[in-house]
C-alpha atoms as a PDB file:
ATOM      1  CA  MET A   1      73.679  51.258 117.409  1.00  0.00           C
ATOM      2  CA  LYS A   2      77.388  52.466 117.603  1.00  0.00           C
ATOM      3  CA  GLN A   3      77.694  51.936 114.025  1.00  0.00           C
ATOM      4  CA  GLY A   4      74.889  54.644 113.610  1.00  0.00           C
ATOM      5  CA  HIS A   5      77.110  57.003 116.118  1.00  0.00           C
ATOM      6  CA  VAL A   6      79.642  56.806 113.702  1.00  0.00           C
ATOM      7  CA  TYR A   7      77.662  57.604 110.690  1.00  0.00           C
ATOM      8  CA  ALA A   8      76.491  60.367 112.470  1.00  0.00           C
ATOM      9  CA  SER A   9      79.740  61.774 113.261  1.00  0.00           C
ATOM     10  CA  TYR A  10      80.647  61.402 109.518  1.00  0.00           C
ATOM     11  CA  LEU A  11      77.482  63.488 108.388  1.00  0.00           C
ATOM     12  CA  LEU A  12      78.426  66.280 111.343  1.00  0.00           C
ATOM     13  CA  ALA A  13      81.957  66.511 109.671  1.00  0.00           C
ATOM     14  CA  ALA A  14      80.578  66.538 105.894  1.00  0.00           C
ATOM     15  CA  LEU A  15      78.772  69.355 107.472  1.00  0.00           C
ATOM     16  CA  ALA A  16      81.594  71.087 109.318  1.00  0.00           C
ATOM     17  CA  VAL A  17      83.166  72.048 105.756  1.00  0.00           C
ATOM     18  CA  PRO A  18      80.461  74.082 104.176  1.00  0.00           C
ATOM     19  CA  ILE A  19      79.625  75.755 107.444  1.00  0.00           C
ATOM     20  CA  VAL A  20      83.002  76.696 108.234  1.00  0.00           C
ATOM     21  CA  LEU A  21      83.424  78.032 104.732  1.00  0.00           C
ATOM     22  CA  HIS A  22      80.035  79.964 104.399  1.00  0.00           C
ATOM     23  CA  PHE A  23      80.622  81.758 107.907  1.00  0.00           C
ATOM     24  CA  HIS A  24      84.230  82.516 107.076  1.00  0.00           C
ATOM     25  CA  LEU A  25      85.418  80.723 109.831  1.00  0.00           C
ATOM     26  CA  LEU A  26      88.216  79.379 107.755  1.00  0.00           C
ATOM     27  CA  PRO A  27      91.339  81.456 109.252  1.00  0.00           C
ATOM     28  CA  ALA A  28      89.876  80.797 112.796  1.00  0.00           C
ATOM     29  CA  VAL A  29      89.812  76.822 112.274  1.00  0.00           C
ATOM     30  CA  PHE A  30      93.169  76.788 110.616  1.00  0.00           C
ATOM     31  CA  ALA A  31      94.739  78.775 113.159  1.00  0.00           C
ATOM     32  CA  GLY A  32      93.323  76.675 116.033  1.00  0.00           C
ATOM     33  CA  LEU A  33      94.586  73.692 114.174  1.00  0.00           C
ATOM     34  CA  ALA A  34      97.908  74.997 113.939  1.00  0.00           C
ATOM     35  CA  VAL A  35      98.228  75.738 117.393  1.00  0.00           C
ATOM     36  CA  HIS A  36      97.031  72.498 118.184  1.00  0.00           C
ATOM     37  CA  VAL A  37      99.518  70.557 116.430  1.00  0.00           C
ATOM     38  CA  LEU A  38     102.462  72.398 117.269  1.00  0.00           C
ATOM     39  CA  THR A  39     101.681  72.255 120.596  1.00  0.00           C
ATOM     40  CA  GLY A  40     101.154  68.615 120.597  1.00  0.00           C
ATOM     41  CA  LYS A  41     104.778  68.250 118.490  1.00  0.00           C
ATOM     42  CA  LEU A  42     106.242  70.130 121.099  1.00  0.00           C
ATOM     43  CA  ALA A  43     104.750  68.389 123.811  1.00  0.00           C
ATOM     44  CA  ARG A  44     105.924  64.935 122.832  1.00  0.00           C
ATOM     45  CA  ARG A  45     109.282  66.267 123.390  1.00  0.00           C
ATOM     46  CA  LEU A  46     108.961  66.602 127.291  1.00  0.00           C
ATOM     47  CA  PRO A  47     110.641  64.173 129.602  1.00  0.00           C
ATOM     48  CA  ASP A  48     108.422  61.188 130.316  1.00  0.00           C
ATOM     49  CA  ASN A  49     108.938  61.660 133.846  1.00  0.00           C
ATOM     50  CA  TRP A  50     107.033  64.725 133.855  1.00  0.00           C
ATOM     51  CA  GLY A  51     103.610  64.324 135.506  1.00  0.00           C
ATOM     52  CA  GLY A  52     100.996  66.362 137.163  1.00  0.00           C
ATOM     53  CA  TRP A  53     101.065  69.746 137.436  1.00  0.00           C
ATOM     54  CA  ALA A  54     104.507  69.896 135.926  1.00  0.00           C
ATOM     55  CA  HIS A  55     103.507  68.557 132.936  1.00  0.00           C
ATOM     56  CA  GLU A  56     100.133  70.736 132.786  1.00  0.00           C
ATOM     57  CA  ILE A  57     102.635  74.198 133.443  1.00  0.00           C
ATOM     58  CA  ALA A  58     104.685  73.173 130.837  1.00  0.00           C
ATOM     59  CA  LEU A  59     101.725  72.297 128.236  1.00  0.00           C
ATOM     60  CA  ILE A  60     100.196  75.756 129.008  1.00  0.00           C
ATOM     61  CA  ALA A  61     103.820  77.382 128.601  1.00  0.00           C
ATOM     62  CA  LEU A  62     103.944  75.487 125.156  1.00  0.00           C
ATOM     63  CA  ALA A  63     100.714  76.838 123.879  1.00  0.00           C
ATOM     64  CA  VAL A  64     101.299  80.186 124.890  1.00  0.00           C
ATOM     65  CA  LEU A  65     104.922  79.968 123.437  1.00  0.00           C
ATOM     66  CA  VAL A  66     103.123  78.839 119.826  1.00  0.00           C
ATOM     67  CA  ILE A  67     100.517  80.912 120.059  1.00  0.00           C
ATOM     68  CA  SER A  68     102.878  83.850 120.608  1.00  0.00           C
ATOM     69  CA  GLY A  69     105.510  82.694 117.942  1.00  0.00           C
ATOM     70  CA  LEU A  70     102.615  82.268 115.318  1.00  0.00           C
ATOM     71  CA  THR A  71     100.885  85.802 116.092  1.00  0.00           C
ATOM     72  CA  GLY A  72     104.671  87.369 115.637  1.00  0.00           C
ATOM     73  CA  VAL A  73     105.075  86.087 112.621  1.00  0.00           C
ATOM     74  CA  THR A  74     101.790  86.594 111.060  1.00  0.00           C
ATOM     75  CA  PHE A  75     102.258  90.331 112.027  1.00  0.00           C
ATOM     76  CA  GLY A  76     105.765  90.286 110.612  1.00  0.00           C
ATOM     77  CA  LEU A  77     104.923  89.147 107.387  1.00  0.00           C
ATOM     78  CA  TRP A  78     101.765  91.483 107.444  1.00  0.00           C
ATOM     79  CA  SER A  79     103.973  94.399 108.341  1.00  0.00           C
ATOM     80  CA  LEU A  80     106.426  93.863 105.357  1.00  0.00           C
ATOM     81  CA  LEU A  81     103.778  93.544 102.987  1.00  0.00           C
ATOM     82  CA  ARG A  82     101.810  96.599 103.813  1.00  0.00           C
ATOM     83  CA  GLY A  83     104.839  98.859 104.966  1.00  0.00           C
ATOM     84  CA  GLU A  84     106.300 101.267 102.414  1.00  0.00           C
ATOM     85  CA  GLY A  85     107.789  99.447  99.243  1.00  0.00           C
ATOM     86  CA  GLY A  86     105.240  96.717 100.129  1.00  0.00           C
ATOM     87  CA  MET A  87     101.993  95.491  97.993  1.00  0.00           C
ATOM     88  CA  ALA A  88     100.813  99.002  96.750  1.00  0.00           C
ATOM     89  CA  ALA A  89     104.781  99.537  95.443  1.00  0.00           C
ATOM     90  CA  LEU A  90     104.516  95.796  93.659  1.00  0.00           C
ATOM     91  CA  LEU A  91     101.333  96.735  91.931  1.00  0.00           C
ATOM     92  CA  LEU A  92     102.212 100.062  90.750  1.00  0.00           C
ATOM     93  CA  ALA A  93     105.624  98.578  89.469  1.00  0.00           C
ATOM     94  CA  ALA A  94     103.764  95.670  87.917  1.00  0.00           C
ATOM     95  CA  ALA A  95     101.378  98.565  86.344  1.00  0.00           C
ATOM     96  CA  GLU A  96     104.133  99.931  84.839  1.00  0.00           C
ATOM     97  CA  THR A  97     105.553  96.968  83.452  1.00  0.00           C
ATOM     98  CA  ILE A  98     102.214  96.279  81.865  1.00  0.00           C
ATOM     99  CA  ASP A  99     102.069  99.476  80.237  1.00  0.00           C
ATOM    100  CA  ARG A 100     105.728  98.876  78.702  1.00  0.00           C
ATOM    101  CA  ILE A 101     104.389  95.538  77.446  1.00  0.00           C
ATOM    102  CA  ARG A 102     101.451  97.431  75.829  1.00  0.00           C
ATOM    103  CA  GLN A 103     103.780  99.275  73.883  1.00  0.00           C
ATOM    104  CA  ALA A 104     105.432  96.554  72.476  1.00  0.00           C
ATOM    105  CA  ILE A 105     102.597  94.403  71.574  1.00  0.00           C
ATOM    106  CA  PRO A 106     100.666  95.021  68.318  1.00  0.00           C
ATOM    107  CA  ALA A 107      98.206  97.878  68.364  1.00  0.00           C
ATOM    108  CA  SER A 108      95.082  95.118  68.016  1.00  0.00           C
ATOM    109  CA  LEU A 109      95.877  93.495  71.379  1.00  0.00           C
ATOM    110  CA  ALA A 110      97.374  96.643  73.089  1.00  0.00           C
ATOM    111  CA  ASP A 111      93.369  98.515  72.803  1.00  0.00           C
ATOM    112  CA  ALA A 112      92.218  96.194  75.020  1.00  0.00           C
ATOM    113  CA  ILE A 113      95.037  97.180  77.763  1.00  0.00           C
ATOM    114  CA  PRO A 114      94.279 100.691  79.340  1.00  0.00           C
ATOM    115  CA  ASP A 115      96.448 103.530  78.595  1.00  0.00           C
ATOM    116  CA  SER A 116      97.380 104.259  81.964  1.00  0.00           C
ATOM    117  CA  PHE A 117      96.348 104.701  85.588  1.00  0.00           C
ATOM    118  CA  GLU A 118      94.429 107.466  84.680  1.00  0.00           C
ATOM    119  CA  ASP A 119      91.965 105.550  82.410  1.00  0.00           C
ATOM    120  CA  LEU A 120      91.191 103.687  85.567  1.00  0.00           C
ATOM    121  CA  HIS A 121      90.534 106.344  88.011  1.00  0.00           C
ATOM    122  CA  GLU A 122      86.783 106.796  86.804  1.00  0.00           C
ATOM    123  CA  PRO A 123      85.811 103.220  86.543  1.00  0.00           C
ATOM    124  CA  LEU A 124      87.561 103.054  90.329  1.00  0.00           C
ATOM    125  CA  ARG A 125      86.010 105.946  91.441  1.00  0.00           C
ATOM    126  CA  GLU A 126      82.360 104.557  90.036  1.00  0.00           C
ATOM    127  CA  MET A 127      83.194 101.386  92.022  1.00  0.00           C
ATOM    128  CA  MET A 128      83.869 103.111  95.144  1.00  0.00           C
ATOM    129  CA  ARG A 129      80.504 105.148  94.720  1.00  0.00           C
ATOM    130  CA  GLU A 130      78.468 102.082  94.228  1.00  0.00           C
ATOM    131  CA  HIS A 131      80.211  99.841  96.968  1.00  0.00           C
ATOM    132  CA  GLY A 132      81.642 102.525  99.196  1.00  0.00           C
ATOM    133  CA  GLN A 133      79.236 100.840 102.318  1.00  0.00           C
ATOM    134  CA  LYS A 134      81.021  97.211 101.428  1.00  0.00           C
ATOM    135  CA  ILE A 135      84.377  98.860 101.396  1.00  0.00           C
ATOM    136  CA  SER A 136      83.931 100.869 104.506  1.00  0.00           C
ATOM    137  CA  ALA A 137      82.739  97.584 106.493  1.00  0.00           C
ATOM    138  CA  ALA A 138      85.691  95.566 105.135  1.00  0.00           C
ATOM    139  CA  GLY A 139      87.536  97.260 107.974  1.00  0.00           C
ATOM    140  CA  VAL A 140      84.966  96.196 110.579  1.00  0.00           C
ATOM    141  CA  ALA A 141      85.109  92.398 108.545  1.00  0.00           C
ATOM    142  CA  GLY A 142      89.258  92.485 109.099  1.00  0.00           C
ATOM    143  CA  VAL A 143      88.776  93.265 112.768  1.00  0.00           C
ATOM    144  CA  LYS A 144      86.137  90.442 112.943  1.00  0.00           C
ATOM    145  CA  THR A 145      88.571  88.095 111.075  1.00  0.00           C
ATOM    146  CA  LEU A 146      91.220  88.884 113.686  1.00  0.00           C
ATOM    147  CA  LEU A 147      89.204  88.222 116.660  1.00  0.00           C
ATOM    148  CA  HIS A 148      88.273  85.052 115.060  1.00  0.00           C
ATOM    149  CA  VAL A 149      91.672  83.932 114.717  1.00  0.00           C
ATOM    150  CA  LEU A 150      92.633  84.828 118.032  1.00  0.00           C
ATOM    151  CA  PHE A 151      89.804  82.641 119.583  1.00  0.00           C
ATOM    152  CA  GLY A 152      90.996  80.164 117.326  1.00  0.00           C
ATOM    153  CA  MET A 153      94.368  79.860 118.722  1.00  0.00           C
ATOM    154  CA  VAL A 154      93.153  79.988 122.341  1.00  0.00           C
ATOM    155  CA  ILE A 155      90.842  76.978 121.215  1.00  0.00           C
ATOM    156  CA  GLY A 156      93.673  75.015 119.755  1.00  0.00           C
ATOM    157  CA  GLY A 157      95.893  75.558 122.379  1.00  0.00           C
ATOM    158  CA  LEU A 158      93.249  74.224 125.200  1.00  0.00           C
ATOM    159  CA  THR A 159      92.448  71.384 123.017  1.00  0.00           C
ATOM    160  CA  ALA A 160      96.132  70.725 122.969  1.00  0.00           C
ATOM    161  CA  LEU A 161      96.283  70.908 126.955  1.00  0.00           C
ATOM    162  CA  HIS A 162      93.382  68.313 127.015  1.00  0.00           C
ATOM    163  CA  GLN A 163      94.612  64.756 127.195  1.00  0.00           C
ATOM    164  CA  PHE A 164      92.729  62.115 124.995  1.00  0.00           C
ATOM    165  CA  ASP A 165      93.394  59.282 127.412  1.00  0.00           C
ATOM    166  CA  GLY A 166      91.075  56.550 127.912  1.00  0.00           C
ATOM    167  CA  VAL A 167      89.323  57.085 124.991  1.00  0.00           C
ATOM    168  CA  GLU A 168      87.699  53.697 124.663  1.00  0.00           C
ATOM    169  CA  HIS A 169      85.682  54.178 127.728  1.00  0.00           C
ATOM    170  CA  TRP A 170      84.458  57.474 126.189  1.00  0.00           C
ATOM    171  CA  PRO A 171      80.603  57.221 125.038  1.00  0.00           C
ATOM    172  CA  SER A 172      80.249  55.847 121.407  1.00  0.00           C
ATOM    173  CA  PHE A 173      79.274  59.156 119.516  1.00  0.00           C
ATOM    174  CA  ALA A 174      81.787  61.116 121.626  1.00  0.00           C
ATOM    175  CA  ALA A 175      84.523  58.496 120.561  1.00  0.00           C
ATOM    176  CA  ALA A 176      83.289  58.642 117.004  1.00  0.00           C
ATOM    177  CA  LEU A 177      83.881  62.740 116.872  1.00  0.00           C
ATOM    178  CA  HIS A 178      87.195  62.396 118.598  1.00  0.00           C
ATOM    179  CA  ASP A 179      88.198  60.057 115.271  1.00  0.00           C
ATOM    180  CA  ARG A 180      86.818  62.536 113.172  1.00  0.00           C
ATOM    181  CA  ALA A 181      88.874  65.564 115.026  1.00  0.00           C
ATOM    182  CA  ARG A 182      92.222  63.332 115.101  1.00  0.00           C
ATOM    183  CA  ALA A 183      91.832  62.757 111.490  1.00  0.00           C
ATOM    184  CA  LEU A 184      91.212  66.193 111.000  1.00  0.00           C
ATOM    185  CA  ALA A 185      94.409  67.182 112.991  1.00  0.00           C
ATOM    186  CA  GLU A 186      96.480  64.655 111.067  1.00  0.00           C
ATOM    187  CA  ALA A 187      95.654  65.823 107.654  1.00  0.00           C
ATOM    188  CA  PHE A 188      96.278  69.169 108.386  1.00  0.00           C
ATOM    189  CA  ASP A 189      99.672  68.195 109.845  1.00  0.00           C
ATOM    190  CA  LYS A 190     100.308  66.271 106.906  1.00  0.00           C
ATOM    191  CA  VAL A 191      99.714  68.654 104.188  1.00  0.00           C
ATOM    192  CA  VAL A 192      99.724  72.138 105.971  1.00  0.00           C
ATOM    193  CA  PHE A 193     103.396  71.701 107.627  1.00  0.00           C
ATOM    194  CA  ALA A 194     104.459  69.739 104.703  1.00  0.00           C
ATOM    195  CA  GLN A 195     103.248  72.536 102.303  1.00  0.00           C
ATOM    196  CA  VAL A 196     105.126  75.079 104.509  1.00  0.00           C
ATOM    197  CA  LYS A 197     108.406  72.751 103.814  1.00  0.00           C
ATOM    198  CA  ILE A 198     107.763  72.890 100.501  1.00  0.00           C
ATOM    199  CA  SER A 199     107.263  76.757 100.101  1.00  0.00           C
ATOM    200  CA  ALA A 200     110.475  77.592 102.390  1.00  0.00           C
ATOM    201  CA  VAL A 201     112.158  75.279  99.905  1.00  0.00           C
ATOM    202  CA  ASN A 202     111.130  77.273  96.999  1.00  0.00           C
ATOM    203  CA  THR A 203     111.393  80.669  98.846  1.00  0.00           C
ATOM    204  CA  THR A 204     115.056  79.677  99.583  1.00  0.00           C
ATOM    205  CA  LEU A 205     115.840  79.044  95.988  1.00  0.00           C
ATOM    206  CA  THR A 206     113.880  82.332  94.833  1.00  0.00           C
ATOM    207  CA  ALA A 207     115.862  84.446  97.384  1.00  0.00           C
ATOM    208  CA  LEU A 208     119.082  82.898  96.137  1.00  0.00           C
ATOM    209  CA  TYR A 209     118.273  83.557  92.612  1.00  0.00           C
ATOM    210  CA  LEU A 210     117.296  87.473  93.542  1.00  0.00           C
ATOM    211  CA  LEU A 211     119.692  88.023  96.201  1.00  0.00           C
ATOM    212  CA  VAL A 212     123.173  86.059  94.962  1.00  0.00           C
ATOM    213  CA  VAL A 213     122.867  85.027  91.025  1.00  0.00           C
ATOM    214  CA  LEU A 214     121.256  88.013  89.966  1.00  0.00           C
ATOM    215  CA  PRO A 215     123.513  90.516  91.340  1.00  0.00           C
ATOM    216  CA  LEU A 216     126.513  88.219  90.213  1.00  0.00           C
ATOM    217  CA  PHE A 217     125.399  89.616  86.576  1.00  0.00           C
ATOM    218  CA  GLY A 218     125.166  93.353  87.770  1.00  0.00           C
ATOM    219  CA  VAL A 219     121.216  93.036  87.939  1.00  0.00           C
ATOM    220  CA  ARG A 220     119.433  94.340  91.015  1.00  0.00           C
ATOM    221  CA  LEU A 221     115.707  93.527  90.913  1.00  0.00           C
ATOM    222  CA  PRO A 222     113.683  96.142  93.304  1.00  0.00           C
ATOM    223  CA  LEU A 223     111.468  95.232  95.824  1.00  0.00           C
ATOM    224  CA  MET A 224     112.862  92.354  97.023  1.00  0.00           C
ATOM    225  CA  SER A 225     111.953  92.868 100.260  1.00  0.00           C
ATOM    226  CA  VAL A 226     108.193  92.121  99.368  1.00  0.00           C
ATOM    227  CA  LEU A 227     108.885  89.728  96.556  1.00  0.00           C
ATOM    228  CA  ILE A 228     110.702  86.919  98.859  1.00  0.00           C
ATOM    229  CA  PRO A 229     107.801  87.134 101.638  1.00  0.00           C
ATOM    230  CA  LEU A 230     105.236  86.924  98.746  1.00  0.00           C
ATOM    231  CA  THR A 231     106.815  84.004  97.575  1.00  0.00           C
ATOM    232  CA  PHE A 232     106.528  81.993 101.024  1.00  0.00           C
ATOM    233  CA  ILE A 233     103.342  83.050 101.569  1.00  0.00           C
ATOM    234  CA  VAL A 234     101.460  82.322  98.475  1.00  0.00           C
ATOM    235  CA  GLY A 235     103.630  79.344  98.243  1.00  0.00           C
ATOM    236  CA  LEU A 236     101.311  77.751 100.656  1.00  0.00           C
ATOM    237  CA  LEU A 237      98.993  77.335  98.270  1.00  0.00           C
ATOM    238  CA  PRO A 238      99.919  73.968  96.102  1.00  0.00           C
ATOM    239  CA  VAL A 239     100.761  74.459  92.714  1.00  0.00           C
ATOM    240  CA  VAL A 240      98.853  77.882  92.470  1.00  0.00           C
ATOM    241  CA  GLY A 241     100.785  79.948  94.787  1.00  0.00           C
ATOM    242  CA  ASN A 242     103.792  79.160  92.956  1.00  0.00           C
ATOM    243  CA  LEU A 243     102.498  80.648  89.652  1.00  0.00           C
ATOM    244  CA  ILE A 244     101.398  83.759  91.332  1.00  0.00           C
ATOM    245  CA  SER A 245     104.661  84.591  92.664  1.00  0.00           C
ATOM    246  CA  ASN A 246     106.573  83.709  89.431  1.00  0.00           C
ATOM    247  CA  THR A 247     104.186  86.051  87.847  1.00  0.00           C
ATOM    248  CA  ALA A 248     105.131  88.917  89.986  1.00  0.00           C
ATOM    249  CA  ILE A 249     109.003  88.249  89.675  1.00  0.00           C
ATOM    250  CA  VAL A 250     109.042  87.795  85.848  1.00  0.00           C
ATOM    251  CA  LEU A 251     106.742  91.168  85.646  1.00  0.00           C
ATOM    252  CA  ILE A 252     109.465  92.968  88.043  1.00  0.00           C
ATOM    253  CA  SER A 253     112.259  91.509  86.160  1.00  0.00           C
ATOM    254  CA  PHE A 254     110.616  92.767  82.795  1.00  0.00           C
ATOM    255  CA  SER A 255     111.193  96.504  84.368  1.00  0.00           C
ATOM    256  CA  ILE A 256     114.688  95.871  83.962  1.00  0.00           C
ATOM    257  CA  SER A 257     114.821  94.372  80.477  1.00  0.00           C
ATOM    258  CA  PRO A 258     113.380  91.506  78.620  1.00  0.00           C
ATOM    259  CA  ALA A 259     116.436  89.337  78.925  1.00  0.00           C
ATOM    260  CA  VAL A 260     116.359  89.478  82.797  1.00  0.00           C
ATOM    261  CA  ALA A 261     112.633  88.829  82.251  1.00  0.00           C
ATOM    262  CA  VAL A 262     113.687  85.540  80.296  1.00  0.00           C
ATOM    263  CA  SER A 263     115.908  84.571  82.379  1.00  0.00           C
ATOM    264  CA  SER A 264     113.961  84.770  85.852  1.00  0.00           C
ATOM    265  CA  LEU A 265     110.980  82.672  83.593  1.00  0.00           C
ATOM    266  CA  VAL A 266     113.589  79.753  82.748  1.00  0.00           C
ATOM    267  CA  PHE A 267     114.848  79.859  86.396  1.00  0.00           C
ATOM    268  CA  LEU A 268     111.427  79.866  87.961  1.00  0.00           C
ATOM    269  CA  VAL A 269     110.027  77.311  85.365  1.00  0.00           C
ATOM    270  CA  ALA A 270     113.019  74.975  86.980  1.00  0.00           C
ATOM    271  CA  ILE A 271     111.938  75.680  90.650  1.00  0.00           C
ATOM    272  CA  HIS A 272     108.501  74.992  89.505  1.00  0.00           C
ATOM    273  CA  LYS A 273     109.379  71.778  88.302  1.00  0.00           C
ATOM    274  CA  LEU A 274     111.347  71.172  91.322  1.00  0.00           C
ATOM    275  CA  GLU A 275     108.365  71.934  93.359  1.00  0.00           C
ATOM    276  CA  TYR A 276     106.491  69.140  91.388  1.00  0.00           C
ATOM    277  CA  PHE A 277     108.774  66.293  92.548  1.00  0.00           C
ATOM    278  CA  THR A 278     108.976  67.712  96.413  1.00  0.00           C
ATOM    279  CA  ASN A 279     105.103  67.926  96.038  1.00  0.00           C
ATOM    280  CA  ALA A 280     104.993  64.450  94.942  1.00  0.00           C
ATOM    281  CA  LYS A 281     107.573  63.279  97.622  1.00  0.00           C
ATOM    282  CA  ILE A 282     106.675  65.332 100.519  1.00  0.00           C
ATOM    283  CA  VAL A 283     102.812  65.930 100.100  1.00  0.00           C
ATOM    284  CA  GLY A 284     101.922  62.719  97.942  1.00  0.00           C
ATOM    285  CA  GLY A 285     104.116  60.628 100.178  1.00  0.00           C
ATOM    286  CA  GLU A 286     102.000  61.896 103.305  1.00  0.00           C
ATOM    287  CA  VAL A 287      98.851  61.770 102.087  1.00  0.00           C
ATOM    288  CA  GLN A 288      99.352  59.545  99.042  1.00  0.00           C
ATOM    289  CA  ALA A 289      97.820  61.805  96.175  1.00  0.00           C
ATOM    290  CA  ARG A 290      99.292  62.971  93.151  1.00  0.00           C
ATOM    291  CA  ALA A 291      99.289  66.455  91.870  1.00  0.00           C
ATOM    292  CA  TRP A 292      96.271  66.379  89.621  1.00  0.00           C
ATOM    293  CA  GLU A 293      94.047  64.615  92.564  1.00  0.00           C
ATOM    294  CA  MET A 294      95.028  68.107  94.499  1.00  0.00           C
ATOM    295  CA  LEU A 295      94.036  70.369  91.660  1.00  0.00           C
ATOM    296  CA  CYS A 296      90.839  68.828  90.866  1.00  0.00           C
ATOM    297  CA  ALA A 297      89.846  69.220  94.490  1.00  0.00           C
ATOM    298  CA  MET A 298      90.850  72.813  94.235  1.00  0.00           C
ATOM    299  CA  LEU A 299      89.463  73.560  91.047  1.00  0.00           C
ATOM    300  CA  THR A 300      86.064  72.121  92.611  1.00  0.00           C
ATOM    301  CA  MET A 301      86.025  73.521  95.814  1.00  0.00           C
ATOM    302  CA  GLU A 302      87.010  77.128  94.170  1.00  0.00           C
ATOM    303  CA  ALA A 303      84.074  76.952  91.872  1.00  0.00           C
ATOM    304  CA  ILE A 304      81.471  76.126  95.042  1.00  0.00           C
ATOM    305  CA  PHE A 305      83.153  78.189  97.626  1.00  0.00           C
ATOM    306  CA  GLY A 306      85.249  81.021  96.214  1.00  0.00           C
ATOM    307  CA  VAL A 307      88.836  81.772  97.209  1.00  0.00           C
ATOM    308  CA  PRO A 308      88.637  80.070 100.818  1.00  0.00           C
ATOM    309  CA  GLY A 309      87.358  76.614  99.175  1.00  0.00           C
ATOM    310  CA  LEU A 310      90.560  77.011  97.233  1.00  0.00           C
ATOM    311  CA  VAL A 311      92.678  77.103 100.685  1.00  0.00           C
ATOM    312  CA  ALA A 312      90.774  74.390 102.405  1.00  0.00           C
ATOM    313  CA  ALA A 313      90.606  72.099  99.375  1.00  0.00           C
ATOM    314  CA  PRO A 314      94.226  70.429  99.967  1.00  0.00           C
ATOM    315  CA  VAL A 315      93.260  69.727 103.740  1.00  0.00           C
ATOM    316  CA  ALA A 316      89.875  68.925 103.119  1.00  0.00           C
ATOM    317  CA  TYR A 317      90.647  66.309 100.267  1.00  0.00           C
ATOM    318  CA  ALA A 318      93.684  64.895 102.297  1.00  0.00           C
ATOM    319  CA  TRP A 319      91.048  64.416 105.168  1.00  0.00           C
ATOM    320  CA  LEU A 320      88.507  62.691 103.019  1.00  0.00           C
ATOM    321  CA  LYS A 321      91.260  60.421 101.650  1.00  0.00           C
ATOM    322  CA  SER A 322      92.075  59.505 105.111  1.00  0.00           C
ATOM    323  CA  GLU A 323      88.801  58.416 105.960  1.00  0.00           C
ATOM    324  CA  LEU A 324      88.126  56.487 103.429  1.00  0.00           C
ATOM    325  CA  LYS A 325      91.117  54.763 103.895  1.00  0.00           C
ATOM    326  CA  SER A 326      90.536  54.046 107.369  1.00  0.00           C
ATOM    327  CA  ALA A 327      86.994  52.589 106.313  1.00  0.00           C
ATOM    328  CA  LYS A 328      88.694  50.504 103.160  1.00  0.00           C
ATOM    329  CA  LEU A 329      86.678  51.893 100.550  1.00  0.00           C
ATOM    330  CA  VAL A 330      90.047  53.256  98.316  1.00  0.00           C
END
């Protein structure tokens, strides 16, 4: 009967992934896991002689601190990307650069690219007319997602406060569910926080190139206040995120000159190669998964669930591999 409880917990874990993605609960789940893992990491630094109410109060304070910190960082990055000179200005600059490229390439290829923003106005207006109701609902969806994230953070904080002592005395099904949840938290810890380290290294090197190397040669790229945060945010996606930020930087570099664009491309390719090394060293070492395994998982889940599947794939794959290893199947 105990084995049946374990199988049932695996079934529920397998069903949880498509349910979370289908009902757009991934931001809430990731927010909750982040708070849970961070609070647990900080709680392990508390003095061993703290017990009773002192320990409980300290845990509550840590959970509140983590939630406040994550909320502040998120809104700070969001403000940088949404403010004046943010993503809108970046897209405009990229479009102007593409227009310059259009003028430099053969006419047979240039005909496939719109002449200007004016050529895009009518299709955009038509899209607004056809999908106006959906677009207006996007604001409501954003508020709903924000509430989900807040609920996820609170739930993550509450689970971190709960001490899982005496699991061996729990009913079999509850203990099996606890094992699945613990494996998920460990997979999230290994993949997401390892990817944060990789993205931080990548962002630091990119910032040094943009803020130090290029100015030494008398070159100053515009929109650096958005390029650097964008590099960190999209860098949280293994491999794919780096390609997104690299494309944006090369396009903006081309607005200065083709030579600067080539220089940026060479430098970013070097960083990209470094990321493969750090990815293999950090994420691969933690999960024991190579880059091609992660890419296959990301491609498969993106094809099934779209962008949320792409984001969830590294954690889901690490979770799956962890469970297979614990069952001695791989």
